[in-house]
N, C-alpha and C. Protein backbone atom coordinates (compact mmCIF):
# COMPACT_ATOMS: atom_id res chain seq x y z
N MET A 1 76.91 42.49 107.10
CA MET A 1 78.01 41.91 107.77
C MET A 1 78.11 40.45 108.32
N THR A 2 79.06 39.82 108.03
CA THR A 2 79.24 38.54 108.39
C THR A 2 80.13 38.45 109.34
N LYS A 3 80.01 37.21 110.24
CA LYS A 3 80.50 36.94 111.28
C LYS A 3 81.78 36.16 111.04
N ALA A 4 82.97 36.35 111.51
CA ALA A 4 84.19 35.42 111.46
C ALA A 4 83.88 34.34 112.21
N ARG A 5 84.63 33.26 111.48
CA ARG A 5 84.38 31.67 112.02
C ARG A 5 84.44 31.54 113.66
N ASN A 6 85.40 32.33 113.54
CA ASN A 6 85.44 32.52 115.72
C ASN A 6 84.91 33.49 116.24
N GLU A 7 83.76 33.70 115.86
CA GLU A 7 83.14 34.52 116.77
C GLU A 7 81.65 33.62 116.68
N THR A 8 81.02 34.19 117.71
CA THR A 8 79.98 33.26 118.54
C THR A 8 78.90 34.15 119.06
N THR A 9 77.51 33.56 119.44
CA THR A 9 76.67 34.59 119.60
C THR A 9 76.80 34.01 121.13
N SER A 10 76.53 35.73 122.07
CA SER A 10 76.62 35.54 123.56
C SER A 10 75.73 34.74 124.18
N ALA A 11 75.76 34.78 125.29
CA ALA A 11 74.71 34.13 126.27
C ALA A 11 73.37 34.57 126.25
N LYS A 12 73.47 35.98 126.53
CA LYS A 12 72.68 36.78 126.44
C LYS A 12 71.27 36.88 125.16
N ALA A 13 72.08 36.92 124.14
CA ALA A 13 71.60 36.83 122.73
C ALA A 13 70.77 35.71 122.52
N ALA A 14 71.57 34.59 123.07
CA ALA A 14 71.20 33.20 122.42
C ALA A 14 70.12 33.14 123.43
N THR A 15 69.78 33.35 124.46
CA THR A 15 68.49 33.32 125.44
C THR A 15 67.63 34.38 125.00
N ALA A 16 67.56 35.47 124.49
CA ALA A 16 66.79 36.37 123.53
C ALA A 16 66.10 35.68 122.63
N ALA A 17 67.12 34.82 121.56
CA ALA A 17 66.76 33.97 120.62
C ALA A 17 65.85 32.81 120.82
N SER A 18 66.26 32.56 121.71
CA SER A 18 65.29 31.58 122.16
C SER A 18 63.88 31.44 122.68
N LYS A 19 63.52 32.62 123.48
CA LYS A 19 62.55 33.33 123.57
C LYS A 19 61.47 33.64 122.33
N VAL A 20 62.13 34.15 121.22
CA VAL A 20 61.75 34.56 119.97
C VAL A 20 61.35 32.91 119.63
N LEU A 21 61.68 32.29 119.16
CA LEU A 21 61.32 30.86 118.72
C LEU A 21 60.31 30.30 119.61
N ARG A 22 59.81 30.63 120.89
CA ARG A 22 59.12 30.10 122.02
C ARG A 22 58.04 31.07 121.86
N ASP A 23 57.80 31.93 121.48
CA ASP A 23 56.87 32.95 120.88
C ASP A 23 56.01 32.52 120.07
N PRO A 24 54.68 32.09 120.23
CA PRO A 24 54.15 32.17 119.16
C PRO A 24 53.80 33.39 117.92
N LYS A 25 53.63 34.48 118.81
CA LYS A 25 53.37 35.75 117.99
C LYS A 25 54.43 36.47 116.97
N SER A 26 55.75 35.52 117.15
CA SER A 26 56.86 35.81 116.46
C SER A 26 56.66 35.59 114.83
N THR A 27 57.03 36.44 114.07
CA THR A 27 57.08 36.38 112.54
C THR A 27 57.77 35.32 112.02
N ALA A 28 57.64 34.99 110.97
CA ALA A 28 58.60 33.79 110.27
C ALA A 28 60.45 34.67 110.42
N THR A 29 59.77 35.84 109.88
CA THR A 29 61.42 36.58 109.63
C THR A 29 61.92 36.63 110.82
N GLN A 30 61.39 36.63 111.87
CA GLN A 30 61.84 37.26 113.68
C GLN A 30 62.57 35.77 113.66
N LYS A 31 61.74 34.41 113.72
CA LYS A 31 62.17 33.21 114.06
C LYS A 31 63.38 32.67 113.03
N THR A 32 63.55 33.43 111.90
CA THR A 32 64.56 32.99 111.17
C THR A 32 66.31 33.56 111.84
N ALA A 33 65.71 34.83 112.33
CA ALA A 33 67.15 35.69 112.42
C ALA A 33 67.68 35.20 113.69
N ALA A 34 66.48 34.24 114.71
CA ALA A 34 66.89 33.81 115.93
C ALA A 34 67.26 32.48 115.86
N ALA A 35 67.17 31.58 114.81
CA ALA A 35 67.33 30.70 114.49
C ALA A 35 68.91 30.94 114.12
N SER A 36 69.22 31.43 113.23
CA SER A 36 70.68 31.73 113.15
C SER A 36 71.57 32.34 113.77
N ALA A 37 70.96 32.95 114.83
CA ALA A 37 71.79 33.37 115.97
C ALA A 37 72.37 32.15 116.97
N LEU A 38 70.93 31.37 116.92
CA LEU A 38 71.31 30.25 117.63
C LEU A 38 72.35 29.12 117.05
N THR A 39 72.73 29.48 115.93
CA THR A 39 73.23 27.94 115.09
C THR A 39 74.92 28.67 115.21
N GLN A 40 75.04 29.93 115.81
CA GLN A 40 76.32 30.49 116.25
C GLN A 40 76.75 30.17 117.49
N VAL A 41 76.20 29.62 118.47
CA VAL A 41 76.43 29.62 119.66
C VAL A 41 77.47 28.65 119.99
N ALA A 42 78.50 28.69 120.73
CA ALA A 42 79.36 27.68 120.81
C ALA A 42 78.46 26.42 121.78
N SER A 43 79.18 25.60 120.86
CA SER A 43 78.81 24.06 121.98
C SER A 43 79.64 23.86 122.81
N ARG A 44 79.10 23.49 124.13
CA ARG A 44 79.64 23.05 125.45
C ARG A 44 80.51 21.63 125.10
N LYS A 45 81.66 21.73 125.49
CA LYS A 45 82.90 20.41 125.60
C LYS A 45 82.15 19.58 126.78
N ALA A 46 82.61 18.48 126.72
CA ALA A 46 82.31 17.56 127.87
C ALA A 46 83.30 17.66 128.78
N ALA A 47 83.37 17.35 129.77
CA ALA A 47 84.62 17.50 130.67
C ALA A 47 85.16 16.47 130.42
N PRO A 48 86.76 16.80 130.49
CA PRO A 48 87.61 15.37 130.42
C PRO A 48 87.50 14.62 131.49
N THR A 49 87.76 13.34 131.23
CA THR A 49 87.44 12.33 131.84
C THR A 49 88.87 11.60 132.34
N ARG A 50 88.46 11.21 133.85
CA ARG A 50 89.97 10.94 134.55
C ARG A 50 90.41 10.10 134.19
N LYS A 51 92.03 9.51 134.12
CA LYS A 51 92.07 8.11 133.87
C LYS A 51 92.75 7.81 135.44
N ARG A 52 92.41 6.34 135.90
CA ARG A 52 92.45 6.19 137.17
C ARG A 52 93.61 4.91 136.93
């Protein structure tokens, strides 16, 4: 199943993926899946600047 372009990974799933990537005992397959999940996390946009 593929994700639609407008779907993103939840913050909870992103946190779990981050833990997998930092764990030295994680397998290459686990790290690949975690990295894939993190690439689908929505980026935070900078707050708009005020005009004076």
